[in-house]
PDB file of N, CA and C in Angstrom:
ATOM      1  N   MET A   1     126.643 102.713 153.323  1.00  0.00           N
ATOM      2  CA  MET A   1     125.006 102.572 154.403  1.00  0.00           C
ATOM      3  C   MET A   1     123.998 102.597 153.564  1.00  0.00           C
ATOM      4  N   ASP A   2     123.307 102.194 153.789  1.00  0.00           N
ATOM      5  CA  ASP A   2     121.869 101.247 153.252  1.00  0.00           C
ATOM      6  C   ASP A   2     120.777 102.864 153.469  1.00  0.00           C
ATOM      7  N   PHE A   3     120.049 102.893 153.281  1.00  0.00           N
ATOM      8  CA  PHE A   3     118.887 103.905 153.153  1.00  0.00           C
ATOM      9  C   PHE A   3     118.460 103.998 154.432  1.00  0.00           C
ATOM     10  N   ASP A   4     118.354 102.721 154.050  1.00  0.00           N
ATOM     11  CA  ASP A   4     117.182 103.149 155.834  1.00  0.00           C
ATOM     12  C   ASP A   4     117.964 103.151 156.997  1.00  0.00           C
ATOM     13  N   ARG A   5     119.467 102.686 157.024  1.00  0.00           N
ATOM     14  CA  ARG A   5     120.054 103.112 158.068  1.00  0.00           C
ATOM     15  C   ARG A   5     120.486 104.375 158.493  1.00  0.00           C
ATOM     16  N   PHE A   6     120.643 105.060 156.568  1.00  0.00           N
ATOM     17  CA  PHE A   6     120.901 106.499 157.072  1.00  0.00           C
ATOM     18  C   PHE A   6     120.008 107.810 157.293  1.00  0.00           C
ATOM     19  N   ILE A   7     118.451 106.999 157.098  1.00  0.00           N
ATOM     20  CA  ILE A   7     117.298 108.341 157.235  1.00  0.00           C
ATOM     21  C   ILE A   7     117.039 108.174 158.859  1.00  0.00           C
ATOM     22  N   LYS A   8     116.806 106.537 159.170  1.00  0.00           N
ATOM     23  CA  LYS A   8     117.640 106.654 160.399  1.00  0.00           C
ATOM     24  C   LYS A   8     118.210 107.263 162.035  1.00  0.00           C
ATOM     25  N   ALA A   9     119.140 107.747 160.931  1.00  0.00           N
ATOM     26  CA  ALA A   9     120.302 108.787 161.435  1.00  0.00           C
ATOM     27  C   ALA A   9     120.085 110.115 161.261  1.00  0.00           C
ATOM     28  N   VAL A  10     119.621 110.064 160.395  1.00  0.00           N
ATOM     29  CA  VAL A  10     119.045 111.747 159.967  1.00  0.00           C
ATOM     30  C   VAL A  10     117.638 111.711 160.943  1.00  0.00           C
ATOM     31  N   GLY A  11     116.616 111.043 160.934  1.00  0.00           N
ATOM     32  CA  GLY A  11     116.116 111.391 161.934  1.00  0.00           C
ATOM     33  C   GLY A  11     116.308 111.802 163.391  1.00  0.00           C
ATOM     34  N   GLU A  12     117.419 110.552 163.852  1.00  0.00           N
ATOM     35  CA  GLU A  12     118.202 111.514 165.406  1.00  0.00           C
ATOM     36  C   GLU A  12     118.903 112.545 164.945  1.00  0.00           C
ATOM     37  N   ASN A  13     119.333 113.065 164.143  1.00  0.00           N
ATOM     38  CA  ASN A  13     119.790 114.065 163.634  1.00  0.00           C
ATOM     39  C   ASN A  13     118.577 115.475 163.536  1.00  0.00           C
ATOM     40  N   VAL A  14     117.361 114.918 163.615  1.00  0.00           N
ATOM     41  CA  VAL A  14     116.636 115.997 163.379  1.00  0.00           C
ATOM     42  C   VAL A  14     116.062 116.466 165.024  1.00  0.00           C
ATOM     43  N   ARG A  15     115.846 114.651 165.770  1.00  0.00           N
ATOM     44  CA  ARG A  15     115.563 115.033 167.389  1.00  0.00           C
ATOM     45  C   ARG A  15     116.746 115.951 167.949  1.00  0.00           C
ATOM     46  N   LYS A  16     117.703 115.407 167.948  1.00  0.00           N
ATOM     47  CA  LYS A  16     118.940 116.184 168.123  1.00  0.00           C
ATOM     48  C   LYS A  16     118.964 117.630 168.729  1.00  0.00           C
ATOM     49  N   ALA A  17     118.918 118.208 167.400  1.00  0.00           N
ATOM     50  CA  ALA A  17     118.754 119.410 166.864  1.00  0.00           C
ATOM     51  C   ALA A  17     117.596 119.909 167.226  1.00  0.00           C
ATOM     52  N   ARG A  18     115.997 119.299 167.248  1.00  0.00           N
ATOM     53  CA  ARG A  18     114.510 119.846 168.185  1.00  0.00           C
ATOM     54  C   ARG A  18     115.206 119.693 169.655  1.00  0.00           C
ATOM     55  N   TRP A  19     116.100 119.254 170.580  1.00  0.00           N
ATOM     56  CA  TRP A  19     116.199 118.685 171.658  1.00  0.00           C
ATOM     57  C   TRP A  19     117.036 120.125 171.960  1.00  0.00           C
ATOM     58  N   ARG A  20     117.719 120.804 171.027  1.00  0.00           N
ATOM     59  CA  ARG A  20     119.155 121.815 171.668  1.00  0.00           C
ATOM     60  C   ARG A  20     118.491 122.440 171.066  1.00  0.00           C
ATOM     61  N   ALA A  21     117.151 123.303 170.120  1.00  0.00           N
ATOM     62  CA  ALA A  21     116.653 124.367 170.383  1.00  0.00           C
ATOM     63  C   ALA A  21     115.376 124.259 171.342  1.00  0.00           C
ATOM     64  N   GLN A  22     115.055 123.119 172.024  1.00  0.00           N
ATOM     65  CA  GLN A  22     114.331 123.144 173.768  1.00  0.00           C
ATOM     66  C   GLN A  22     112.993 123.693 172.499  1.00  0.00           C
ATOM     67  N   LEU A  23     112.219 122.991 171.672  1.00  0.00           N
ATOM     68  CA  LEU A  23     111.032 122.876 170.980  1.00  0.00           C
ATOM     69  C   LEU A  23     110.503 121.573 171.364  1.00  0.00           C
ATOM     70  N   THR A  24     109.118 121.321 171.549  1.00  0.00           N
ATOM     71  CA  THR A  24     108.321 120.185 171.248  1.00  0.00           C
ATOM     72  C   THR A  24     108.300 120.109 169.807  1.00  0.00           C
ATOM     73  N   GLN A  25     107.763 118.608 169.827  1.00  0.00           N
ATOM     74  CA  GLN A  25     107.668 118.188 168.153  1.00  0.00           C
ATOM     75  C   GLN A  25     106.191 119.280 167.572  1.00  0.00           C
ATOM     76  N   GLU A  26     105.450 119.861 168.422  1.00  0.00           N
ATOM     77  CA  GLU A  26     104.374 120.345 168.012  1.00  0.00           C
ATOM     78  C   GLU A  26     105.040 121.781 167.338  1.00  0.00           C
ATOM     79  N   GLU A  27     105.802 122.660 168.150  1.00  0.00           N
ATOM     80  CA  GLU A  27     106.360 124.216 167.877  1.00  0.00           C
ATOM     81  C   GLU A  27     107.191 123.544 166.761  1.00  0.00           C
ATOM     82  N   ALA A  28     109.000 122.469 166.445  1.00  0.00           N
ATOM     83  CA  ALA A  28     109.236 122.425 165.636  1.00  0.00           C
ATOM     84  C   ALA A  28     108.343 122.244 164.702  1.00  0.00           C
ATOM     85  N   SER A  29     107.248 121.520 164.134  1.00  0.00           N
ATOM     86  CA  SER A  29     106.208 121.376 163.047  1.00  0.00           C
ATOM     87  C   SER A  29     106.254 122.017 162.862  1.00  0.00           C
ATOM     88  N   ALA A  30     105.259 123.484 163.809  1.00  0.00           N
ATOM     89  CA  ALA A  30     104.988 123.979 163.109  1.00  0.00           C
ATOM     90  C   ALA A  30     104.519 125.094 161.486  1.00  0.00           C
ATOM     91  N   ASP A  31     103.632 124.962 160.692  1.00  0.00           N
ATOM     92  CA  ASP A  31     104.099 125.804 159.682  1.00  0.00           C
ATOM     93  C   ASP A  31     105.394 125.002 158.645  1.00  0.00           C
ATOM     94  N   VAL A  32     105.514 124.251 158.947  1.00  0.00           N
ATOM     95  CA  VAL A  32     106.601 122.517 158.157  1.00  0.00           C
ATOM     96  C   VAL A  32     106.024 122.642 158.086  1.00  0.00           C
ATOM     97  N   LEU A  33     105.686 121.114 159.040  1.00  0.00           N
ATOM     98  CA  LEU A  33     104.918 119.974 158.256  1.00  0.00           C
ATOM     99  C   LEU A  33     104.034 119.603 159.380  1.00  0.00           C
ATOM    100  N   THR A  34     103.510 119.039 158.533  1.00  0.00           N
ATOM    101  CA  THR A  34     102.660 118.189 159.851  1.00  0.00           C
ATOM    102  C   THR A  34     102.811 117.427 161.411  1.00  0.00           C
ATOM    103  N   PHE A  35     102.424 117.757 162.667  1.00  0.00           N
ATOM    104  CA  PHE A  35     103.568 116.658 163.881  1.00  0.00           C
ATOM    105  C   PHE A  35     103.910 115.367 163.644  1.00  0.00           C
ATOM    106  N   ARG A  36     102.428 115.204 162.980  1.00  0.00           N
ATOM    107  CA  ARG A  36     102.376 113.109 162.833  1.00  0.00           C
ATOM    108  C   ARG A  36     103.957 113.073 161.681  1.00  0.00           C
ATOM    109  N   LEU A  37     104.270 113.617 161.056  1.00  0.00           N
ATOM    110  CA  LEU A  37     105.065 113.662 159.812  1.00  0.00           C
ATOM    111  C   LEU A  37     106.439 113.641 160.901  1.00  0.00           C
ATOM    112  N   LEU A  38     106.733 115.173 161.456  1.00  0.00           N
ATOM    113  CA  LEU A  38     107.621 114.915 162.616  1.00  0.00           C
ATOM    114  C   LEU A  38     108.144 113.957 162.980  1.00  0.00           C
ATOM    115  N   GLY A  39     107.092 113.317 163.561  1.00  0.00           N
ATOM    116  CA  GLY A  39     107.064 111.972 164.503  1.00  0.00           C
ATOM    117  C   GLY A  39     107.824 111.248 163.309  1.00  0.00           C
ATOM    118  N   GLU A  40     107.094 110.450 162.645  1.00  0.00           N
ATOM    119  CA  GLU A  40     107.859 109.551 161.758  1.00  0.00           C
ATOM    120  C   GLU A  40     109.056 110.076 161.248  1.00  0.00           C
ATOM    121  N   LEU A  41     109.335 111.196 161.133  1.00  0.00           N
ATOM    122  CA  LEU A  41     111.076 111.270 160.529  1.00  0.00           C
ATOM    123  C   LEU A  41     111.709 111.602 161.288  1.00  0.00           C
ATOM    124  N   GLU A  42     111.515 111.971 162.827  1.00  0.00           N
ATOM    125  CA  GLU A  42     112.387 111.431 163.572  1.00  0.00           C
ATOM    126  C   GLU A  42     112.259 109.970 164.289  1.00  0.00           C
ATOM    127  N   ARG A  43     111.490 109.424 163.663  1.00  0.00           N
ATOM    128  CA  ARG A  43     111.929 107.670 164.314  1.00  0.00           C
ATOM    129  C   ARG A  43     112.653 106.642 162.664  1.00  0.00           C
ATOM    130  N   GLY A  44     113.121 107.858 161.863  1.00  0.00           N
ATOM    131  CA  GLY A  44     113.227 107.092 160.508  1.00  0.00           C
ATOM    132  C   GLY A  44     112.303 106.326 159.492  1.00  0.00           C
ATOM    133  N   ASP A  45     111.176 106.464 159.576  1.00  0.00           N
ATOM    134  CA  ASP A  45     110.153 106.385 158.697  1.00  0.00           C
ATOM    135  C   ASP A  45     109.635 107.393 157.973  1.00  0.00           C
ATOM    136  N   GLY A  46     110.356 108.708 157.630  1.00  0.00           N
ATOM    137  CA  GLY A  46     109.810 109.484 156.736  1.00  0.00           C
ATOM    138  C   GLY A  46     110.707 109.407 156.007  1.00  0.00           C
ATOM    139  N   ASN A  47     110.340 110.410 154.739  1.00  0.00           N
ATOM    140  CA  ASN A  47     111.534 110.683 154.061  1.00  0.00           C
ATOM    141  C   ASN A  47     110.648 111.614 153.498  1.00  0.00           C
ATOM    142  N   PRO A  48     111.772 113.465 154.386  1.00  0.00           N
ATOM    143  CA  PRO A  48     111.315 114.481 153.341  1.00  0.00           C
ATOM    144  C   PRO A  48     112.214 114.972 152.492  1.00  0.00           C
ATOM    145  N   SER A  49     111.114 115.959 152.042  1.00  0.00           N
ATOM    146  CA  SER A  49     111.738 116.375 150.505  1.00  0.00           C
ATOM    147  C   SER A  49     112.931 117.905 151.346  1.00  0.00           C
ATOM    148  N   LEU A  50     113.584 118.107 150.130  1.00  0.00           N
ATOM    149  CA  LEU A  50     114.614 119.022 150.408  1.00  0.00           C
ATOM    150  C   LEU A  50     113.722 120.105 151.001  1.00  0.00           C
ATOM    151  N   ARG A  51     113.035 120.665 150.124  1.00  0.00           N
ATOM    152  CA  ARG A  51     111.906 121.790 151.161  1.00  0.00           C
ATOM    153  C   ARG A  51     111.805 121.679 152.361  1.00  0.00           C
ATOM    154  N   THR A  52     110.912 120.318 152.728  1.00  0.00           N
ATOM    155  CA  THR A  52     111.152 120.497 154.164  1.00  0.00           C
ATOM    156  C   THR A  52     112.183 120.074 155.110  1.00  0.00           C
ATOM    157  N   LEU A  53     113.361 119.399 154.696  1.00  0.00           N
ATOM    158  CA  LEU A  53     114.470 119.883 155.419  1.00  0.00           C
ATOM    159  C   LEU A  53     115.032 121.408 155.842  1.00  0.00           C
ATOM    160  N   PHE A  54     115.239 121.815 154.709  1.00  0.00           N
ATOM    161  CA  PHE A  54     115.241 123.206 154.767  1.00  0.00           C
ATOM    162  C   PHE A  54     114.797 124.269 155.662  1.00  0.00           C
ATOM    163  N   LEU A  55     112.973 124.095 155.353  1.00  0.00           N
ATOM    164  CA  LEU A  55     112.683 124.804 156.369  1.00  0.00           C
ATOM    165  C   LEU A  55     112.740 124.490 157.628  1.00  0.00           C
ATOM    166  N   LEU A  56     113.054 123.041 158.051  1.00  0.00           N
ATOM    167  CA  LEU A  56     113.408 122.203 159.404  1.00  0.00           C
ATOM    168  C   LEU A  56     114.507 123.182 160.039  1.00  0.00           C
ATOM    169  N   ALA A  57     115.076 122.778 159.271  1.00  0.00           N
ATOM    170  CA  ALA A  57     116.766 123.590 159.925  1.00  0.00           C
ATOM    171  C   ALA A  57     116.602 125.168 160.224  1.00  0.00           C
ATOM    172  N   GLU A  58     115.681 125.899 159.142  1.00  0.00           N
ATOM    173  CA  GLU A  58     115.958 126.721 159.691  1.00  0.00           C
ATOM    174  C   GLU A  58     114.707 127.141 161.321  1.00  0.00           C
ATOM    175  N   ARG A  59     113.794 126.363 161.301  1.00  0.00           N
ATOM    176  CA  ARG A  59     113.240 126.417 162.382  1.00  0.00           C
ATOM    177  C   ARG A  59     114.007 125.986 163.195  1.00  0.00           C
ATOM    178  N   LEU A  60     114.985 125.136 163.311  1.00  0.00           N
ATOM    179  CA  LEU A  60     115.944 124.430 164.427  1.00  0.00           C
ATOM    180  C   LEU A  60     117.286 125.129 164.562  1.00  0.00           C
ATOM    181  N   GLY A  61     117.351 125.876 163.581  1.00  0.00           N
ATOM    182  CA  GLY A  61     118.750 126.987 163.829  1.00  0.00           C
ATOM    183  C   GLY A  61     120.293 126.192 163.597  1.00  0.00           C
ATOM    184  N   VAL A  62     120.190 124.929 162.294  1.00  0.00           N
ATOM    185  CA  VAL A  62     120.984 124.246 162.129  1.00  0.00           C
ATOM    186  C   VAL A  62     121.019 124.438 160.796  1.00  0.00           C
ATOM    187  N   SER A  63     121.937 124.264 160.450  1.00  0.00           N
ATOM    188  CA  SER A  63     122.037 123.848 158.721  1.00  0.00           C
ATOM    189  C   SER A  63     121.366 122.764 158.004  1.00  0.00           C
ATOM    190  N   VAL A  64     120.753 122.085 156.943  1.00  0.00           N
ATOM    191  CA  VAL A  64     120.634 120.816 156.616  1.00  0.00           C
ATOM    192  C   VAL A  64     121.607 119.736 156.258  1.00  0.00           C
ATOM    193  N   ARG A  65     122.826 120.433 156.500  1.00  0.00           N
ATOM    194  CA  ARG A  65     123.636 119.377 156.205  1.00  0.00           C
ATOM    195  C   ARG A  65     124.116 119.282 157.801  1.00  0.00           C
ATOM    196  N   ASP A  66     123.921 119.424 158.761  1.00  0.00           N
ATOM    197  CA  ASP A  66     123.842 119.087 160.105  1.00  0.00           C
ATOM    198  C   ASP A  66     122.850 117.987 160.543  1.00  0.00           C
ATOM    199  N   LEU A  67     121.939 118.139 160.050  1.00  0.00           N
ATOM    200  CA  LEU A  67     120.121 117.565 159.602  1.00  0.00           C
ATOM    201  C   LEU A  67     120.717 116.012 158.901  1.00  0.00           C
ATOM    202  N   VAL A  68     121.407 116.516 157.600  1.00  0.00           N
ATOM    203  CA  VAL A  68     121.797 114.798 157.054  1.00  0.00           C
ATOM    204  C   VAL A  68     123.081 114.617 157.178  1.00  0.00           C
ATOM    205  N   GLU A  69     123.557 114.851 157.886  1.00  0.00           N
ATOM    206  CA  GLU A  69     125.327 114.699 158.132  1.00  0.00           C
ATOM    207  C   GLU A  69     125.221 113.522 159.004  1.00  0.00           C
ATOM    208  N   VAL A  70     125.865 111.956 158.736  1.00  0.00           N
ATOM    209  CA  VAL A  70     125.492 110.602 159.016  1.00  0.00           C
ATOM    210  C   VAL A  70     127.416 110.492 159.568  1.00  0.00           C
ATOM    211  N   GLY A  71     127.915 110.929 159.245  1.00  0.00           N
ATOM    212  CA  GLY A  71     129.500 110.298 159.499  1.00  0.00           C
ATOM    213  C   GLY A  71     129.826 109.301 159.159  1.00  0.00           C
ATOM    214  N   ASP A  72     129.177 108.433 158.280  1.00  0.00           N
ATOM    215  CA  ASP A  72     129.916 107.028 158.038  1.00  0.00           C
ATOM    216  C   ASP A  72     130.766 107.464 156.351  1.00  0.00           C
ATOM    217  N   GLU A  73     129.908 108.626 155.937  1.00  0.00           N
ATOM    218  CA  GLU A  73     130.657 109.147 154.275  1.00  0.00           C
ATOM    219  C   GLU A  73     132.190 109.555 154.823  1.00  0.00           C
ATOM    220  N   PRO A  74     133.219 109.434 153.637  1.00  0.00           N
ATOM    221  CA  PRO A  74     134.487 110.213 153.648  1.00  0.00           C
ATOM    222  C   PRO A  74     134.294 111.131 153.228  1.00  0.00           C
ATOM    223  N   PRO A  75     134.603 112.442 153.703  1.00  0.00           N
ATOM    224  CA  PRO A  75     134.579 113.846 153.211  1.00  0.00           C
ATOM    225  C   PRO A  75     134.965 113.804 152.337  1.00  0.00           C
ATOM    226  N   LEU A  76     134.944 114.367 150.951  1.00  0.00           N
ATOM    227  CA  LEU A  76     135.872 114.855 149.661  1.00  0.00           C
ATOM    228  C   LEU A  76     137.268 115.849 149.974  1.00  0.00           C
ATOM    229  N   GLU A  77     138.004 115.700 148.972  1.00  0.00           N
ATOM    230  CA  GLU A  77     138.835 116.860 149.193  1.00  0.00           C
ATOM    231  C   GLU A  77     138.809 117.720 149.428  1.00  0.00           C
ATOM    232  N   VAL A  78     137.943 118.406 147.738  1.00  0.00           N
ATOM    233  CA  VAL A  78     137.235 119.579 148.506  1.00  0.00           C
ATOM    234  C   VAL A  78     136.452 119.763 147.987  1.00  0.00           C
ATOM    235  N   GLN A  79     135.781 120.561 148.800  1.00  0.00           N
ATOM    236  CA  GLN A  79     134.180 120.629 149.034  1.00  0.00           C
ATOM    237  C   GLN A  79     133.674 120.976 147.553  1.00  0.00           C
ATOM    238  N   LEU A  80     132.020 120.008 147.076  1.00  0.00           N
ATOM    239  CA  LEU A  80     131.619 120.652 145.789  1.00  0.00           C
ATOM    240  C   LEU A  80     131.692 122.062 144.991  1.00  0.00           C
ATOM    241  N   ARG A  81     131.142 122.762 146.509  1.00  0.00           N
ATOM    242  CA  ARG A  81     130.504 123.555 145.749  1.00  0.00           C
ATOM    243  C   ARG A  81     131.747 125.005 145.580  1.00  0.00           C
ATOM    244  N   ASP A  82     133.611 124.850 145.944  1.00  0.00           N
ATOM    245  CA  ASP A  82     134.215 124.423 145.610  1.00  0.00           C
ATOM    246  C   ASP A  82     135.693 123.886 144.364  1.00  0.00           C
ATOM    247  N   LEU A  83     134.532 123.745 144.159  1.00  0.00           N
ATOM    248  CA  LEU A  83     135.160 122.734 143.323  1.00  0.00           C
ATOM    249  C   LEU A  83     135.017 123.614 141.256  1.00  0.00           C
ATOM    250  N   GLN A  84     136.250 123.845 140.666  1.00  0.00           N
ATOM    251  CA  GLN A  84     136.240 124.147 139.280  1.00  0.00           C
ATOM    252  C   GLN A  84     136.266 123.423 138.737  1.00  0.00           C
ATOM    253  N   VAL A  85     134.923 122.939 137.915  1.00  0.00           N
ATOM    254  CA  VAL A  85     135.019 122.070 137.209  1.00  0.00           C
ATOM    255  C   VAL A  85     134.214 122.175 135.691  1.00  0.00           C
ATOM    256  N   ASP A  86     133.996 121.004 134.196  1.00  0.00           N
ATOM    257  CA  ASP A  86     133.790 121.908 133.499  1.00  0.00           C
ATOM    258  C   ASP A  86     132.501 121.239 132.819  1.00  0.00           C
ATOM    259  N   PRO A  87     131.368 121.514 132.447  1.00  0.00           N
ATOM    260  CA  PRO A  87     130.230 120.545 132.307  1.00  0.00           C
ATOM    261  C   PRO A  87     130.405 119.496 131.697  1.00  0.00           C
ATOM    262  N   PRO A  88     129.777 118.251 131.373  1.00  0.00           N
ATOM    263  CA  PRO A  88     130.653 117.254 130.034  1.00  0.00           C
ATOM    264  C   PRO A  88     129.569 117.948 129.148  1.00  0.00           C
ATOM    265  N   LYS A  89     130.311 117.507 127.742  1.00  0.00           N
ATOM    266  CA  LYS A  89     130.052 117.875 126.669  1.00  0.00           C
ATOM    267  C   LYS A  89     128.628 117.316 125.998  1.00  0.00           C
ATOM    268  N   ARG A  90     127.934 118.201 125.528  1.00  0.00           N
ATOM    269  CA  ARG A  90     126.532 117.476 125.435  1.00  0.00           C
ATOM    270  C   ARG A  90     126.503 117.659 123.587  1.00  0.00           C
ATOM    271  N   GLY A  91     125.777 116.588 123.469  1.00  0.00           N
ATOM    272  CA  GLY A  91     125.625 116.182 122.026  1.00  0.00           C
ATOM    273  C   GLY A  91     124.759 115.007 121.639  1.00  0.00           C
ATOM    274  N   ARG A  92     125.158 114.795 120.461  1.00  0.00           N
ATOM    275  CA  ARG A  92     123.737 113.881 120.225  1.00  0.00           C
ATOM    276  C   ARG A  92     125.109 112.171 120.891  1.00  0.00           C
ATOM    277  N   LYS A  93     123.583 111.558 121.700  1.00  0.00           N
ATOM    278  CA  LYS A  93     124.072 110.177 121.198  1.00  0.00           C
ATOM    279  C   LYS A  93     125.035 109.574 120.352  1.00  0.00           C
ATOM    280  N   PRO A  94     125.869 108.853 121.118  1.00  0.00           N
ATOM    281  CA  PRO A  94     127.096 108.600 119.832  1.00  0.00           C
ATOM    282  C   PRO A  94     126.025 106.957 119.202  1.00  0.00           C
ATOM    283  N   LYS A  95     126.302 107.137 117.713  1.00  0.00           N
ATOM    284  CA  LYS A  95     125.413 105.845 117.411  1.00  0.00           C
ATOM    285  C   LYS A  95     125.800 104.577 117.658  1.00  0.00           C
ATOM    286  N   ARG A  96     125.058 103.622 117.330  1.00  0.00           N
ATOM    287  CA  ARG A  96     125.149 102.345 118.189  1.00  0.00           C
ATOM    288  C   ARG A  96     125.887 101.606 116.609  1.00  0.00           C
ATOM    289  N   ARG A  97     126.465 100.899 117.505  1.00  0.00           N
ATOM    290  CA  ARG A  97     127.542  99.911 116.729  1.00  0.00           C
ATOM    291  C   ARG A  97     126.973  99.054 115.932  1.00  0.00           C
ATOM    292  N   PRO A  98     127.216  98.414 114.916  1.00  0.00           N
ATOM    293  CA  PRO A  98     126.331  97.059 114.267  1.00  0.00           C
ATOM    294  C   PRO A  98     127.107  95.770 115.542  1.00  0.00           C
ATOM    295  N   THR A  99     126.259  95.190 115.500  1.00  0.00           N
ATOM    296  CA  THR A  99     126.715  93.775 116.218  1.00  0.00           C
ATOM    297  C   THR A  99     126.623  92.756 115.402  1.00  0.00           C
ATOM    298  N   SER A 100     126.741  91.309 115.763  1.00  0.00           N
ATOM    299  CA  SER A 100     127.052  90.122 114.728  1.00  0.00           C
ATOM    300  C   SER A 100     125.506  89.946 114.881  1.00  0.00           C
ATOM    301  N   ARG A 101     124.571  90.782 115.484  1.00  0.00           N
ATOM    302  CA  ARG A 101     123.165  90.239 115.238  1.00  0.00           C
ATOM    303  C   ARG A 101     122.703  91.502 114.406  1.00  0.00           C
ATOM    304  N   ASP A 102     123.563  92.347 114.019  1.00  0.00           N
ATOM    305  CA  ASP A 102     122.726  92.806 112.784  1.00  0.00           C
ATOM    306  C   ASP A 102     122.788  92.547 111.742  1.00  0.00           C
TER     307      ASP A 102
END
């Protein structure tokens, strides 16, 4: 899925969540973002920040996941929050190997 299709799907999710909450665009956007930006987002023309998505999800009574879930991605076998993984090793960058041009 490309980004344009993704953002349009997110916009549709935002609109459906707003309708579910029985809020107008003015009510849903109050103290979160401008009425105009909410309209752009719902049309798939916006690119909201994580903070905006978080605040909007709270206002609409849904999770951020509900807003960004578009259904085209296969789910992970194990949720990221449940993974027990070690961070990559830190250290210096590997030395550059000499090439035939050196």
